[in-house]
C-alpha cells in the first residue's frame, strides 16, 4: 500500500482503537495519532490494521502482560501505542 494512504488509514484506525480500547478522546489526541502513524510505518511497518486492532484486544485482555492501557484525562499516547505493539511483536 502507498505510504501516504497507509498513514491516513492508520490515523483513522488509531482514532477508533483509542476510543474503543482506552477510552481516549480522539479530539485531544490528533497529534499523537500522527506520531503513532509514523511509528507504525517506521518501526512496525509489517503490521496491518487488523493486527494493530488484535494487539490492542490482546493487551486489553491481559494476554500481552502488564501493558498500561489507561488514557489519563482522555489522552492516548505514542508511548502507549508503542508499548502495545512491542509486546505484540515479541
N, C-alpha and C. Protein backbone atom coordinates (compact mmCIF):
# COMPACT_ATOMS: atom_id res chain seq x y z
N UNK A 1 0.85 -1.18 0.00
CA UNK A 1 0.00 0.00 0.00
C UNK A 1 0.90 1.24 0.00
N UNK A 2 0.47 2.25 -0.72
CA UNK A 2 1.21 3.50 -0.78
C UNK A 2 1.35 4.08 0.64
N UNK A 3 2.54 4.59 0.95
CA UNK A 3 2.84 5.03 2.32
C UNK A 3 1.86 6.09 2.82
N UNK A 4 1.51 7.06 2.02
CA UNK A 4 0.60 8.12 2.46
C UNK A 4 -0.80 7.57 2.77
N UNK A 5 -1.29 6.67 1.93
CA UNK A 5 -2.60 6.06 2.18
C UNK A 5 -2.56 5.24 3.47
N UNK A 6 -1.46 4.53 3.66
CA UNK A 6 -1.27 3.73 4.87
C UNK A 6 -1.27 4.62 6.11
N UNK A 7 -0.63 5.78 5.99
CA UNK A 7 -0.57 6.71 7.11
C UNK A 7 -1.97 7.23 7.45
N UNK A 8 -2.73 7.62 6.45
CA UNK A 8 -4.09 8.14 6.67
C UNK A 8 -4.98 7.05 7.25
N UNK A 9 -4.90 5.85 6.71
CA UNK A 9 -5.68 4.74 7.23
C UNK A 9 -5.29 4.44 8.68
N UNK A 10 -4.00 4.52 8.98
CA UNK A 10 -3.51 4.29 10.34
C UNK A 10 -4.12 5.28 11.32
N UNK A 11 -4.14 6.54 10.94
CA UNK A 11 -4.68 7.59 11.81
C UNK A 11 -6.16 7.34 12.10
N UNK A 12 -6.91 6.99 11.08
CA UNK A 12 -8.34 6.71 11.27
C UNK A 12 -8.55 5.49 12.16
N UNK A 13 -7.77 4.48 11.92
CA UNK A 13 -7.85 3.25 12.70
C UNK A 13 -7.49 3.52 14.17
N UNK A 14 -6.43 4.27 14.39
CA UNK A 14 -5.99 4.56 15.75
C UNK A 14 -7.00 5.38 16.52
N UNK A 15 -7.69 6.25 15.85
CA UNK A 15 -8.74 7.03 16.50
C UNK A 15 -9.80 6.09 17.07
N UNK A 16 -10.20 5.11 16.29
CA UNK A 16 -11.21 4.15 16.74
C UNK A 16 -10.66 3.25 17.84
N UNK A 17 -9.43 2.78 17.68
CA UNK A 17 -8.80 1.93 18.69
C UNK A 17 -8.67 2.67 20.01
N UNK A 18 -8.22 3.92 19.96
CA UNK A 18 -8.03 4.71 21.17
C UNK A 18 -9.35 4.88 21.92
N UNK A 19 -10.40 5.11 21.18
CA UNK A 19 -11.72 5.27 21.80
C UNK A 19 -12.21 3.95 22.38
N UNK A 20 -12.14 2.90 21.58
CA UNK A 20 -12.68 1.61 21.99
C UNK A 20 -11.91 0.94 23.12
N UNK A 21 -10.59 0.98 23.06
CA UNK A 21 -9.78 0.20 24.00
C UNK A 21 -9.21 0.99 25.17
N UNK A 22 -9.12 2.30 25.06
CA UNK A 22 -8.52 3.06 26.15
C UNK A 22 -9.42 4.17 26.69
N UNK A 23 -10.54 4.42 26.04
CA UNK A 23 -11.44 5.48 26.48
C UNK A 23 -10.92 6.87 26.17
N UNK A 24 -9.94 6.96 25.29
CA UNK A 24 -9.36 8.26 24.94
C UNK A 24 -10.34 9.11 24.14
N UNK A 25 -10.14 10.40 24.23
CA UNK A 25 -10.91 11.37 23.46
C UNK A 25 -10.14 11.70 22.19
N UNK A 26 -10.60 11.25 21.03
CA UNK A 26 -9.86 11.47 19.78
C UNK A 26 -9.56 12.93 19.48
N UNK A 27 -10.40 13.83 19.95
CA UNK A 27 -10.17 15.25 19.69
C UNK A 27 -8.91 15.76 20.40
N UNK A 28 -8.55 15.15 21.52
CA UNK A 28 -7.37 15.56 22.27
C UNK A 28 -6.09 14.90 21.75
N UNK A 29 -6.24 13.94 20.86
CA UNK A 29 -5.10 13.08 20.50
C UNK A 29 -4.66 13.15 19.05
N UNK A 30 -5.13 14.13 18.31
CA UNK A 30 -4.83 14.17 16.87
C UNK A 30 -3.33 14.19 16.60
N UNK A 31 -2.57 14.95 17.35
CA UNK A 31 -1.12 14.99 17.17
C UNK A 31 -0.49 13.65 17.48
N UNK A 32 -0.96 13.00 18.52
CA UNK A 32 -0.43 11.68 18.89
C UNK A 32 -0.73 10.66 17.80
N UNK A 33 -1.90 10.73 17.20
CA UNK A 33 -2.25 9.77 16.15
C UNK A 33 -1.30 9.91 14.96
N UNK A 34 -0.94 11.13 14.62
CA UNK A 34 0.01 11.33 13.51
C UNK A 34 1.36 10.73 13.85
N UNK A 35 1.81 10.93 15.08
CA UNK A 35 3.09 10.37 15.50
C UNK A 35 3.03 8.84 15.59
N UNK A 36 1.89 8.31 16.02
CA UNK A 36 1.71 6.86 16.06
C UNK A 36 1.77 6.27 14.66
N UNK A 37 1.18 6.97 13.70
CA UNK A 37 1.24 6.50 12.31
C UNK A 37 2.68 6.44 11.82
N UNK A 38 3.46 7.45 12.16
CA UNK A 38 4.88 7.45 11.78
C UNK A 38 5.61 6.28 12.44
N UNK A 39 5.34 6.07 13.73
CA UNK A 39 5.97 4.96 14.45
C UNK A 39 5.58 3.62 13.83
N UNK A 40 4.32 3.48 13.50
CA UNK A 40 3.85 2.25 12.87
C UNK A 40 4.58 1.98 11.57
N UNK A 41 4.72 2.99 10.75
CA UNK A 41 5.39 2.84 9.46
C UNK A 41 6.88 2.55 9.65
N UNK A 42 7.53 3.29 10.53
CA UNK A 42 8.98 3.19 10.68
C UNK A 42 9.42 1.95 11.47
N UNK A 43 8.69 1.58 12.50
CA UNK A 43 9.13 0.50 13.39
C UNK A 43 8.32 -0.79 13.29
N UNK A 44 7.07 -0.67 12.83
CA UNK A 44 6.19 -1.83 12.76
C UNK A 44 5.51 -1.92 11.40
N UNK A 45 6.23 -1.58 10.35
CA UNK A 45 5.67 -1.48 9.00
C UNK A 45 5.06 -2.75 8.45
N UNK A 46 5.41 -3.88 9.01
CA UNK A 46 4.86 -5.14 8.53
C UNK A 46 3.46 -5.43 9.06
N UNK A 47 2.99 -4.63 10.01
CA UNK A 47 1.68 -4.88 10.61
C UNK A 47 0.57 -4.18 9.84
N UNK A 48 -0.52 -4.89 9.65
CA UNK A 48 -1.71 -4.30 9.06
C UNK A 48 -2.64 -3.78 10.14
N UNK A 49 -3.69 -3.11 9.73
CA UNK A 49 -4.62 -2.52 10.69
C UNK A 49 -5.33 -3.59 11.52
N UNK A 50 -5.64 -4.74 10.92
CA UNK A 50 -6.27 -5.82 11.67
C UNK A 50 -5.35 -6.32 12.78
N UNK A 51 -4.06 -6.37 12.51
CA UNK A 51 -3.09 -6.81 13.52
C UNK A 51 -2.96 -5.77 14.64
N UNK A 52 -3.02 -4.50 14.30
CA UNK A 52 -2.96 -3.45 15.33
C UNK A 52 -4.18 -3.57 16.24
N UNK A 53 -5.35 -3.77 15.66
CA UNK A 53 -6.57 -3.95 16.46
C UNK A 53 -6.44 -5.19 17.34
N UNK A 54 -5.91 -6.27 16.79
CA UNK A 54 -5.74 -7.50 17.56
C UNK A 54 -4.76 -7.28 18.72
N UNK A 55 -3.71 -6.52 18.47
CA UNK A 55 -2.74 -6.22 19.53
C UNK A 55 -3.42 -5.51 20.69
N UNK A 56 -4.28 -4.55 20.40
CA UNK A 56 -4.98 -3.83 21.46
C UNK A 56 -6.02 -4.70 22.15
N UNK A 57 -6.66 -5.58 21.40
CA UNK A 57 -7.61 -6.51 22.02
C UNK A 57 -6.88 -7.44 22.98
N UNK A 58 -5.73 -7.94 22.55
CA UNK A 58 -4.95 -8.84 23.40
C UNK A 58 -4.42 -8.12 24.64
N UNK A 59 -3.96 -6.89 24.45
CA UNK A 59 -3.46 -6.12 25.59
C UNK A 59 -4.58 -5.84 26.58
N UNK A 60 -5.76 -5.54 26.08
CA UNK A 60 -6.92 -5.28 26.95
C UNK A 60 -7.30 -6.52 27.75
N UNK A 61 -7.09 -7.68 27.16
CA UNK A 61 -7.41 -8.94 27.84
C UNK A 61 -6.28 -9.41 28.76
N UNK A 62 -5.18 -8.67 28.79
CA UNK A 62 -4.06 -9.04 29.64
C UNK A 62 -3.15 -10.11 29.07
N UNK A 63 -3.37 -10.48 27.83
CA UNK A 63 -2.59 -11.54 27.18
C UNK A 63 -1.16 -11.10 26.90
N UNK A 64 -0.94 -9.82 26.73
CA UNK A 64 0.39 -9.32 26.39
C UNK A 64 1.20 -8.91 27.62
N UNK A 65 0.72 -9.27 28.79
CA UNK A 65 1.43 -8.91 30.01
C UNK A 65 0.92 -7.59 30.57
N UNK A 66 1.77 -6.95 31.33
CA UNK A 66 1.39 -5.73 32.04
C UNK A 66 1.65 -4.50 31.16
N UNK A 67 0.74 -4.24 30.23
CA UNK A 67 0.86 -3.08 29.34
C UNK A 67 -0.14 -2.03 29.82
N UNK A 68 0.33 -0.81 30.05
CA UNK A 68 -0.53 0.27 30.53
C UNK A 68 -1.49 0.71 29.43
N UNK A 69 -2.77 0.49 29.66
CA UNK A 69 -3.80 0.84 28.68
C UNK A 69 -4.68 1.99 29.17
N UNK A 70 -4.24 2.70 30.18
CA UNK A 70 -5.05 3.78 30.76
C UNK A 70 -4.73 5.09 30.06
N UNK A 71 -5.78 5.74 29.56
CA UNK A 71 -5.59 7.06 28.95
C UNK A 71 -6.01 8.10 29.97
N UNK A 72 -5.03 8.63 30.66
CA UNK A 72 -5.29 9.62 31.70
C UNK A 72 -5.86 10.90 31.09
N UNK A 73 -6.97 11.33 31.65
CA UNK A 73 -7.67 12.53 31.18
C UNK A 73 -8.01 12.46 29.69
N UNK A 74 -8.24 11.25 29.20
CA UNK A 74 -8.65 11.06 27.82
C UNK A 74 -7.55 11.17 26.79
N UNK A 75 -6.30 11.06 27.23
CA UNK A 75 -5.17 11.24 26.31
C UNK A 75 -4.55 9.89 25.95
N UNK A 76 -4.47 9.63 24.67
CA UNK A 76 -3.82 8.46 24.11
C UNK A 76 -2.41 8.87 23.72
N UNK A 77 -1.40 8.09 24.11
CA UNK A 77 -0.02 8.50 23.87
C UNK A 77 0.71 7.57 22.90
N UNK A 78 1.75 8.10 22.30
CA UNK A 78 2.61 7.32 21.43
C UNK A 78 3.29 6.22 22.23
N UNK A 79 3.66 6.51 23.46
CA UNK A 79 4.30 5.51 24.32
C UNK A 79 3.37 4.32 24.55
N UNK A 80 2.10 4.59 24.79
CA UNK A 80 1.12 3.52 24.98
C UNK A 80 1.02 2.67 23.71
N UNK A 81 0.90 3.34 22.58
CA UNK A 81 0.79 2.65 21.30
C UNK A 81 2.02 1.78 21.05
N UNK A 82 3.19 2.35 21.25
CA UNK A 82 4.44 1.61 21.04
C UNK A 82 4.58 0.42 21.98
N UNK A 83 4.18 0.59 23.23
CA UNK A 83 4.28 -0.50 24.21
C UNK A 83 3.40 -1.67 23.83
N UNK A 84 2.20 -1.38 23.37
CA UNK A 84 1.28 -2.46 22.95
C UNK A 84 1.85 -3.20 21.74
N UNK A 85 2.31 -2.46 20.75
CA UNK A 85 2.83 -3.13 19.55
C UNK A 85 4.13 -3.88 19.83
N UNK A 86 4.95 -3.33 20.70
CA UNK A 86 6.19 -4.02 21.07
C UNK A 86 5.87 -5.35 21.75
N UNK A 87 4.92 -5.32 22.68
CA UNK A 87 4.54 -6.56 23.38
C UNK A 87 3.93 -7.56 22.40
N UNK A 88 3.17 -7.08 21.44
CA UNK A 88 2.52 -7.94 20.44
C UNK A 88 3.52 -8.60 19.51
N UNK A 89 4.57 -7.88 19.16
CA UNK A 89 5.51 -8.41 18.16
C UNK A 89 6.64 -9.24 18.77
N UNK A 90 6.72 -9.29 20.08
CA UNK A 90 7.79 -10.07 20.72
C UNK A 90 7.52 -11.54 20.62
